[in-house]
Amino acid sequence: EYLLSLGYEVHGIVRRVASEYNSWRFSRIK
C-alpha cells in the first residue's frame, strides 16, 4: 500500500498453493 502511494510498480511473490485469488491468504491484499 505504502509503495503504491509513492508511485511504485509493486510485485509480490506468493507460494504456489496460495496462488488463487480467492484464497484466504489474499485477504490482506485483495
PDB file of all heavy atoms in Angstrom:
ATOM      1  N   GLU A   1       0.827  -1.207   0.000  1.00  0.00           N
ATOM      2  CA  GLU A   1       0.000   0.000   0.000  1.00  0.00           C
ATOM      3  C   GLU A   1       0.861   1.257   0.000  1.00  0.00           C
ATOM      4  O   GLU A   1       0.630   2.200  -0.763  1.00  0.00           O
ATOM      5  CB  GLU A   1      -0.917   0.020   1.222  1.00  0.00           C
ATOM      6  CG  GLU A   1      -2.133  -0.848   1.117  1.00  0.00           C
ATOM      7  CD  GLU A   1      -3.023  -0.725   2.335  1.00  0.00           C
ATOM      8  OE1 GLU A   1      -2.632  -0.021   3.286  1.00  0.00           O
ATOM      9  OE2 GLU A   1      -4.099  -1.334   2.344  1.00  0.00           O
ATOM     10  N   TYR A   2       1.853   1.257   0.877  1.00  0.00           N
ATOM     11  CA  TYR A   2       2.705   2.439   1.030  1.00  0.00           C
ATOM     12  C   TYR A   2       3.491   2.719  -0.248  1.00  0.00           C
ATOM     13  O   TYR A   2       3.568   3.868  -0.697  1.00  0.00           O
ATOM     14  CB  TYR A   2       3.650   2.228   2.213  1.00  0.00           C
ATOM     15  CG  TYR A   2       4.540   3.414   2.503  1.00  0.00           C
ATOM     16  CD1 TYR A   2       4.009   4.616   2.949  1.00  0.00           C
ATOM     17  CD2 TYR A   2       5.914   3.332   2.311  1.00  0.00           C
ATOM     18  CE1 TYR A   2       4.827   5.709   3.213  1.00  0.00           C
ATOM     19  CE2 TYR A   2       6.743   4.409   2.584  1.00  0.00           C
ATOM     20  CZ  TYR A   2       6.188   5.596   3.023  1.00  0.00           C
ATOM     21  OH  TYR A   2       7.005   6.674   3.277  1.00  0.00           O
ATOM     22  N   LEU A   3       4.065   1.681  -0.848  1.00  0.00           N
ATOM     23  CA  LEU A   3       4.849   1.874  -2.067  1.00  0.00           C
ATOM     24  C   LEU A   3       3.975   2.320  -3.234  1.00  0.00           C
ATOM     25  O   LEU A   3       4.390   3.143  -4.056  1.00  0.00           O
ATOM     26  CB  LEU A   3       5.594   0.583  -2.415  1.00  0.00           C
ATOM     27  CG  LEU A   3       6.682   0.146  -1.414  1.00  0.00           C
ATOM     28  CD1 LEU A   3       7.295  -1.187  -1.848  1.00  0.00           C
ATOM     29  CD2 LEU A   3       7.760   1.203  -1.265  1.00  0.00           C
ATOM     30  N   LEU A   4       2.759   1.781  -3.321  1.00  0.00           N
ATOM     31  CA  LEU A   4       1.832   2.232  -4.352  1.00  0.00           C
ATOM     32  C   LEU A   4       1.533   3.721  -4.203  1.00  0.00           C
ATOM     33  O   LEU A   4       1.451   4.456  -5.195  1.00  0.00           O
ATOM     34  CB  LEU A   4       0.529   1.428  -4.289  1.00  0.00           C
ATOM     35  CG  LEU A   4       0.562  -0.011  -4.826  1.00  0.00           C
ATOM     36  CD1 LEU A   4      -0.750  -0.718  -4.503  1.00  0.00           C
ATOM     37  CD2 LEU A   4       0.825  -0.045  -6.325  1.00  0.00           C
ATOM     38  N   SER A   5       1.393   4.168  -2.950  1.00  0.00           N
ATOM     39  CA  SER A   5       1.107   5.582  -2.704  1.00  0.00           C
ATOM     40  C   SER A   5       2.267   6.476  -3.145  1.00  0.00           C
ATOM     41  O   SER A   5       2.074   7.666  -3.408  1.00  0.00           O
ATOM     42  CB  SER A   5       0.800   5.821  -1.227  1.00  0.00           C
ATOM     43  OG  SER A   5       1.981   5.731  -0.423  1.00  0.00           O
ATOM     44  N   LEU A   6       3.482   5.891  -3.228  1.00  0.00           N
ATOM     45  CA  LEU A   6       4.663   6.637  -3.665  1.00  0.00           C
ATOM     46  C   LEU A   6       4.908   6.518  -5.160  1.00  0.00           C
ATOM     47  O   LEU A   6       5.892   7.068  -5.674  1.00  0.00           O
ATOM     48  CB  LEU A   6       5.899   6.147  -2.904  1.00  0.00           C
ATOM     49  CG  LEU A   6       5.880   6.320  -1.373  1.00  0.00           C
ATOM     50  CD1 LEU A   6       7.150   5.723  -0.763  1.00  0.00           C
ATOM     51  CD2 LEU A   6       5.754   7.779  -0.987  1.00  0.00           C
ATOM     52  N   GLY A   7       4.028   5.789  -5.855  1.00  0.00           N
ATOM     53  CA  GLY A   7       4.153   5.662  -7.303  1.00  0.00           C
ATOM     54  C   GLY A   7       4.947   4.474  -7.784  1.00  0.00           C
ATOM     55  O   GLY A   7       5.302   4.382  -8.967  1.00  0.00           O
ATOM     56  N   TYR A   8       5.246   3.524  -6.913  1.00  0.00           N
ATOM     57  CA  TYR A   8       5.995   2.330  -7.291  1.00  0.00           C
ATOM     58  C   TYR A   8       5.137   1.354  -8.110  1.00  0.00           C
ATOM     59  O   TYR A   8       3.909   1.315  -7.969  1.00  0.00           O
ATOM     60  CB  TYR A   8       6.479   1.581  -6.053  1.00  0.00           C
ATOM     61  CG  TYR A   8       7.735   2.111  -5.402  1.00  0.00           C
ATOM     62  CD1 TYR A   8       7.747   3.328  -4.741  1.00  0.00           C
ATOM     63  CD2 TYR A   8       8.917   1.375  -5.437  1.00  0.00           C
ATOM     64  CE1 TYR A   8       8.886   3.801  -4.117  1.00  0.00           C
ATOM     65  CE2 TYR A   8      10.069   1.829  -4.811  1.00  0.00           C
ATOM     66  CZ  TYR A   8      10.044   3.045  -4.150  1.00  0.00           C
ATOM     67  OH  TYR A   8      11.193   3.494  -3.525  1.00  0.00           O
ATOM     68  N   GLU A   9       5.805   0.567  -8.944  1.00  0.00           N
ATOM     69  CA  GLU A   9       5.205  -0.615  -9.538  1.00  0.00           C
ATOM     70  C   GLU A   9       5.521  -1.767  -8.594  1.00  0.00           C
ATOM     71  O   GLU A   9       6.684  -2.092  -8.373  1.00  0.00           O
ATOM     72  CB  GLU A   9       5.791  -0.879 -10.924  1.00  0.00           C
ATOM     73  CG  GLU A   9       5.221  -2.105 -11.619  1.00  0.00           C
ATOM     74  CD  GLU A   9       5.865  -2.358 -12.971  1.00  0.00           C
ATOM     75  OE1 GLU A   9       5.877  -1.420 -13.800  1.00  0.00           O
ATOM     76  OE2 GLU A   9       6.366  -3.478 -13.208  1.00  0.00           O
ATOM     77  N   VAL A  10       4.496  -2.382  -8.016  1.00  0.00           N
ATOM     78  CA  VAL A  10       4.686  -3.332  -6.928  1.00  0.00           C
ATOM     79  C   VAL A  10       4.420  -4.766  -7.391  1.00  0.00           C
ATOM     80  O   VAL A  10       3.357  -5.067  -7.941  1.00  0.00           O
ATOM     81  CB  VAL A  10       3.775  -3.001  -5.729  1.00  0.00           C
ATOM     82  CG1 VAL A  10       3.952  -4.042  -4.619  1.00  0.00           C
ATOM     83  CG2 VAL A  10       4.093  -1.606  -5.190  1.00  0.00           C
ATOM     84  N   HIS A  11       5.408  -5.635  -7.144  1.00  0.00           N
ATOM     85  CA  HIS A  11       5.306  -7.056  -7.437  1.00  0.00           C
ATOM     86  C   HIS A  11       5.423  -7.845  -6.134  1.00  0.00           C
ATOM     87  O   HIS A  11       6.174  -7.458  -5.224  1.00  0.00           O
ATOM     88  CB  HIS A  11       6.410  -7.502  -8.394  1.00  0.00           C
ATOM     89  CG  HIS A  11       6.343  -6.853  -9.737  1.00  0.00           C
ATOM     90  ND1 HIS A  11       5.935  -7.528 -10.875  1.00  0.00           N
ATOM     91  CD2 HIS A  11       6.646  -5.582 -10.137  1.00  0.00           C
ATOM     92  CE1 HIS A  11       5.992  -6.701 -11.905  1.00  0.00           C
ATOM     93  NE2 HIS A  11       6.425  -5.512 -11.499  1.00  0.00           N
ATOM     94  N   GLY A  12       4.699  -8.953  -6.047  1.00  0.00           N
ATOM     95  CA  GLY A  12       4.761  -9.787  -4.853  1.00  0.00           C
ATOM     96  C   GLY A  12       4.894 -11.252  -5.195  1.00  0.00           C
ATOM     97  O   GLY A  12       4.393 -11.710  -6.224  1.00  0.00           O
ATOM     98  N   ILE A  13       5.594 -11.982  -4.336  1.00  0.00           N
ATOM     99  CA  ILE A  13       5.744 -13.428  -4.501  1.00  0.00           C
ATOM    100  C   ILE A  13       4.867 -14.130  -3.474  1.00  0.00           C
ATOM    101  O   ILE A  13       4.895 -13.808  -2.281  1.00  0.00           O
ATOM    102  CB  ILE A  13       7.210 -13.868  -4.309  1.00  0.00           C
ATOM    103  CG1 ILE A  13       8.109 -13.202  -5.354  1.00  0.00           C
ATOM    104  CG2 ILE A  13       7.327 -15.388  -4.396  1.00  0.00           C
ATOM    105  CD1 ILE A  13       9.594 -13.527  -5.177  1.00  0.00           C
ATOM    106  N   VAL A  14       4.083 -15.101  -3.942  1.00  0.00           N
ATOM    107  CA  VAL A  14       3.274 -15.924  -3.051  1.00  0.00           C
ATOM    108  C   VAL A  14       3.532 -17.389  -3.376  1.00  0.00           C
ATOM    109  O   VAL A  14       3.920 -17.729  -4.498  1.00  0.00           O
ATOM    110  CB  VAL A  14       1.766 -15.609  -3.179  1.00  0.00           C
ATOM    111  CG1 VAL A  14       1.480 -14.171  -2.827  1.00  0.00           C
ATOM    112  CG2 VAL A  14       1.264 -15.930  -4.575  1.00  0.00           C
ATOM    113  N   ARG A  15       3.323 -18.227  -2.381  1.00  0.00           N
ATOM    114  CA  ARG A  15       3.518 -19.650  -2.605  1.00  0.00           C
ATOM    115  C   ARG A  15       2.508 -20.184  -3.609  1.00  0.00           C
ATOM    116  O   ARG A  15       1.377 -19.706  -3.695  1.00  0.00           O
ATOM    117  CB  ARG A  15       3.393 -20.411  -1.286  1.00  0.00           C
ATOM    118  CG  ARG A  15       4.567 -20.213  -0.351  1.00  0.00           C
ATOM    119  CD  ARG A  15       4.348 -20.903   0.966  1.00  0.00           C
ATOM    120  NE  ARG A  15       3.275 -20.267   1.727  1.00  0.00           N
ATOM    121  CZ  ARG A  15       2.847 -20.691   2.900  1.00  0.00           C
ATOM    122  NH1 ARG A  15       3.382 -21.748   3.448  1.00  0.00           N
ATOM    123  NH2 ARG A  15       1.884 -20.048   3.540  1.00  0.00           N
ATOM    124  N   ARG A  16       2.913 -21.188  -4.352  1.00  0.00           N
ATOM    125  CA  ARG A  16       2.051 -21.745  -5.397  1.00  0.00           C
ATOM    126  C   ARG A  16       0.720 -22.221  -4.837  1.00  0.00           C
ATOM    127  O   ARG A  16      -0.319 -22.081  -5.482  1.00  0.00           O
ATOM    128  CB  ARG A  16       2.768 -22.897  -6.104  1.00  0.00           C
ATOM    129  CG  ARG A  16       4.032 -22.457  -6.841  1.00  0.00           C
ATOM    130  CD  ARG A  16       4.594 -23.569  -7.695  1.00  0.00           C
ATOM    131  NE  ARG A  16       5.891 -23.212  -8.257  1.00  0.00           N
ATOM    132  CZ  ARG A  16       6.051 -22.442  -9.328  1.00  0.00           C
ATOM    133  NH1 ARG A  16       4.995 -21.965  -9.949  1.00  0.00           N
ATOM    134  NH2 ARG A  16       7.274 -22.173  -9.784  1.00  0.00           N
ATOM    135  N   VAL A  17       0.735 -22.773  -3.628  1.00  0.00           N
ATOM    136  CA  VAL A  17      -0.504 -23.287  -3.036  1.00  0.00           C
ATOM    137  C   VAL A  17      -1.478 -22.175  -2.711  1.00  0.00           C
ATOM    138  O   VAL A  17      -2.648 -22.422  -2.452  1.00  0.00           O
ATOM    139  CB  VAL A  17      -0.214 -24.100  -1.759  1.00  0.00           C
ATOM    140  CG1 VAL A  17       0.576 -25.339  -2.080  1.00  0.00           C
ATOM    141  CG2 VAL A  17       0.502 -23.253  -0.714  1.00  0.00           C
ATOM    142  N   ALA A  18      -1.002 -20.925  -2.718  1.00  0.00           N
ATOM    143  CA  ALA A  18      -1.861 -19.790  -2.387  1.00  0.00           C
ATOM    144  C   ALA A  18      -2.102 -18.893  -3.597  1.00  0.00           C
ATOM    145  O   ALA A  18      -2.487 -17.743  -3.455  1.00  0.00           O
ATOM    146  CB  ALA A  18      -1.239 -18.977  -1.259  1.00  0.00           C
ATOM    147  N   SER A  19      -1.896 -19.430  -4.789  1.00  0.00           N
ATOM    148  CA  SER A  19      -1.904 -18.599  -5.980  1.00  0.00           C
ATOM    149  C   SER A  19      -3.304 -18.259  -6.496  1.00  0.00           C
ATOM    150  O   SER A  19      -3.426 -17.457  -7.419  1.00  0.00           O
ATOM    151  CB  SER A  19      -1.081 -19.266  -7.088  1.00  0.00           C
ATOM    152  OG  SER A  19      -1.626 -20.532  -7.408  1.00  0.00           O
ATOM    153  N   GLU A  20      -4.350 -18.839  -5.935  1.00  0.00           N
ATOM    154  CA  GLU A  20      -5.699 -18.488  -6.338  1.00  0.00           C
ATOM    155  C   GLU A  20      -6.152 -17.239  -5.595  1.00  0.00           C
ATOM    156  O   GLU A  20      -6.018 -17.131  -4.395  1.00  0.00           O
ATOM    157  CB  GLU A  20      -6.671 -19.631  -6.051  1.00  0.00           C
ATOM    158  CG  GLU A  20      -6.391 -20.898  -6.854  1.00  0.00           C
ATOM    159  CD  GLU A  20      -6.560 -20.672  -8.354  1.00  0.00           C
ATOM    160  OE1 GLU A  20      -7.426 -19.861  -8.725  1.00  0.00           O
ATOM    161  OE2 GLU A  20      -5.826 -21.304  -9.120  1.00  0.00           O
ATOM    162  N   TYR A  21      -6.697 -16.290  -6.293  1.00  0.00           N
ATOM    163  CA  TYR A  21      -7.051 -15.005  -5.694  1.00  0.00           C
ATOM    164  C   TYR A  21      -8.129 -15.107  -4.633  1.00  0.00           C
ATOM    165  O   TYR A  21      -8.276 -14.222  -3.794  1.00  0.00           O
ATOM    166  CB  TYR A  21      -7.509 -14.018  -6.782  1.00  0.00           C
ATOM    167  CG  TYR A  21      -6.389 -13.457  -7.599  1.00  0.00           C
ATOM    168  CD1 TYR A  21      -5.064 -13.848  -7.374  1.00  0.00           C
ATOM    169  CD2 TYR A  21      -6.619 -12.561  -8.611  1.00  0.00           C
ATOM    170  CE1 TYR A  21      -4.035 -13.352  -8.139  1.00  0.00           C
ATOM    171  CE2 TYR A  21      -5.587 -12.047  -9.395  1.00  0.00           C
ATOM    172  CZ  TYR A  21      -4.292 -12.461  -9.154  1.00  0.00           C
ATOM    173  OH  TYR A  21      -3.254 -11.966  -9.910  1.00  0.00           O
ATOM    174  N   ASN A  22      -8.895 -16.180  -4.674  1.00  0.00           N
ATOM    175  CA  ASN A  22      -9.938 -16.313  -3.664  1.00  0.00           C
ATOM    176  C   ASN A  22      -9.435 -16.963  -2.382  1.00  0.00           C
ATOM    177  O   ASN A  22     -10.201 -17.226  -1.467  1.00  0.00           O
ATOM    178  CB  ASN A  22     -11.125 -17.096  -4.220  1.00  0.00           C
ATOM    179  CG  ASN A  22     -10.740 -18.530  -4.601  1.00  0.00           C
ATOM    180  OD1 ASN A  22      -9.571 -18.913  -4.531  1.00  0.00           O
ATOM    181  ND2 ASN A  22     -11.727 -19.321  -4.993  1.00  0.00           N
ATOM    182  N   SER A  23      -8.137 -17.223  -2.311  1.00  0.00           N
ATOM    183  CA  SER A  23      -7.557 -17.816  -1.121  1.00  0.00           C
ATOM    184  C   SER A  23      -7.639 -16.847   0.054  1.00  0.00           C
ATOM    185  O   SER A  23      -7.533 -15.621  -0.105  1.00  0.00           O
ATOM    186  CB  SER A  23      -6.095 -18.195  -1.369  1.00  0.00           C
ATOM    187  OG  SER A  23      -5.441 -18.532  -0.160  1.00  0.00           O
ATOM    188  N   TRP A  24      -7.823 -17.391   1.240  1.00  0.00           N
ATOM    189  CA  TRP A  24      -7.877 -16.542   2.436  1.00  0.00           C
ATOM    190  C   TRP A  24      -6.561 -15.808   2.640  1.00  0.00           C
ATOM    191  O   TRP A  24      -6.514 -14.761   3.274  1.00  0.00           O
ATOM    192  CB  TRP A  24      -8.197 -17.393   3.663  1.00  0.00           C
ATOM    193  CG  TRP A  24      -7.165 -18.435   3.997  1.00  0.00           C
ATOM    194  CD1 TRP A  24      -7.161 -19.736   3.605  1.00  0.00           C
ATOM    195  CD2 TRP A  24      -5.989 -18.254   4.783  1.00  0.00           C
ATOM    196  NE1 TRP A  24      -6.056 -20.380   4.082  1.00  0.00           N
ATOM    197  CE2 TRP A  24      -5.322 -19.504   4.819  1.00  0.00           C
ATOM    198  CE3 TRP A  24      -5.432 -17.181   5.452  1.00  0.00           C
ATOM    199  CZ2 TRP A  24      -4.121 -19.690   5.492  1.00  0.00           C
ATOM    200  CZ3 TRP A  24      -4.233 -17.356   6.136  1.00  0.00           C
ATOM    201  CH2 TRP A  24      -3.595 -18.603   6.154  1.00  0.00           C
ATOM    202  N   ARG A  25      -5.496 -16.348   2.099  1.00  0.00           N
ATOM    203  CA  ARG A  25      -4.190 -15.715   2.229  1.00  0.00           C
ATOM    204  C   ARG A  25      -4.142 -14.345   1.563  1.00  0.00           C
ATOM    205  O   ARG A  25      -3.283 -13.526   1.848  1.00  0.00           O
ATOM    206  CB  ARG A  25      -3.096 -16.619   1.663  1.00  0.00           C
ATOM    207  CG  ARG A  25      -2.898 -17.924   2.426  1.00  0.00           C
ATOM    208  CD  ARG A  25      -1.832 -18.777   1.768  1.00  0.00           C
ATOM    209  NE  ARG A  25      -1.566 -20.001   2.507  1.00  0.00           N
ATOM    210  CZ  ARG A  25      -2.243 -21.121   2.356  1.00  0.00           C
ATOM    211  NH1 ARG A  25      -3.231 -21.153   1.491  1.00  0.00           N
ATOM    212  NH2 ARG A  25      -1.967 -22.195   3.077  1.00  0.00           N
ATOM    213  N   PHE A  26      -5.063 -14.102   0.670  1.00  0.00           N
ATOM    214  CA  PHE A  26      -5.085 -12.838  -0.038  1.00  0.00           C
ATOM    215  C   PHE A  26      -5.990 -11.809   0.622  1.00  0.00           C
ATOM    216  O   PHE A  26      -6.187 -10.720   0.079  1.00  0.00           O
ATOM    217  CB  PHE A  26      -5.526 -13.040  -1.487  1.00  0.00           C
ATOM    218  CG  PHE A  26      -4.468 -13.611  -2.376  1.00  0.00           C
ATOM    219  CD1 PHE A  26      -4.318 -14.972  -2.496  1.00  0.00           C
ATOM    220  CD2 PHE A  26      -3.603 -12.793  -3.072  1.00  0.00           C
ATOM    221  CE1 PHE A  26      -3.334 -15.504  -3.307  1.00  0.00           C
ATOM    222  CE2 PHE A  26      -2.614 -13.318  -3.874  1.00  0.00           C
ATOM    223  CZ  PHE A  26      -2.476 -14.680  -4.000  1.00  0.00           C
ATOM    224  N   SER A  27      -6.532 -12.122   1.779  1.00  0.00           N
ATOM    225  CA  SER A  27      -7.490 -11.221   2.408  1.00  0.00           C
ATOM    226  C   SER A  27      -6.895  -9.850   2.711  1.00  0.00           C
ATOM    227  O   SER A  27      -7.595  -8.836   2.677  1.00  0.00           O
ATOM    228  CB  SER A  27      -8.035 -11.842   3.701  1.00  0.00           C
ATOM    229  OG  SER A  27      -6.975 -12.092   4.633  1.00  0.00           O
ATOM    230  N   ARG A  28      -5.581  -9.804   2.993  1.00  0.00           N
ATOM    231  CA  ARG A  28      -4.944  -8.539   3.342  1.00  0.00           C
ATOM    232  C   ARG A  28      -4.630  -7.678   2.118  1.00  0.00           C
ATOM    233  O   ARG A  28      -4.407  -6.475   2.262  1.00  0.00           O
ATOM    234  CB  ARG A  28      -3.651  -8.782   4.120  1.00  0.00           C
ATOM    235  CG  ARG A  28      -3.823  -9.471   5.470  1.00  0.00           C
ATOM    236  CD  ARG A  28      -2.484  -9.507   6.200  1.00  0.00           C
ATOM    237  NE  ARG A  28      -2.546 -10.174   7.500  1.00  0.00           N
ATOM    238  CZ  ARG A  28      -2.191 -11.429   7.709  1.00  0.00           C
ATOM    239  NH1 ARG A  28      -1.768 -12.169   6.679  1.00  0.00           N
ATOM    240  NH2 ARG A  28      -2.263 -11.968   8.908  1.00  0.00           N
ATOM    241  N   ILE A  29      -4.583  -8.281   0.918  1.00  0.00           N
ATOM    242  CA  ILE A  29      -4.175  -7.516  -0.255  1.00  0.00           C
ATOM    243  C   ILE A  29      -5.210  -7.527  -1.372  1.00  0.00           C
ATOM    244  O   ILE A  29      -4.969  -6.935  -2.427  1.00  0.00           O
ATOM    245  CB  ILE A  29      -2.823  -8.018  -0.822  1.00  0.00           C
ATOM    246  CG1 ILE A  29      -2.909  -9.499  -1.205  1.00  0.00           C
ATOM    247  CG2 ILE A  29      -1.702  -7.773   0.179  1.00  0.00           C
ATOM    248  CD1 ILE A  29      -1.687  -9.990  -1.971  1.00  0.00           C
ATOM    249  N   LYS A  30      -6.369  -8.171  -1.175  1.00  0.00           N
ATOM    250  CA  LYS A  30      -7.335  -8.287  -2.263  1.00  0.00           C
ATOM    251  C   LYS A  30      -7.827  -6.925  -2.740  1.00  0.00           C
ATOM    252  O   LYS A  30      -8.197  -6.768  -3.911  1.00  0.00           O
ATOM    253  CB  LYS A  30      -8.511  -9.174  -1.844  1.00  0.00           C
ATOM    254  CG  LYS A  30      -9.324  -8.658  -0.675  1.00  0.00           C
ATOM    255  CD  LYS A  30     -10.427  -9.649  -0.318  1.00  0.00           C
ATOM    256  CE  LYS A  30     -11.279  -9.143   0.847  1.00  0.00           C
ATOM    257  NZ  LYS A  30     -12.350 -10.132   1.212  1.00  0.00           N
TER     258      LYS A  30
END
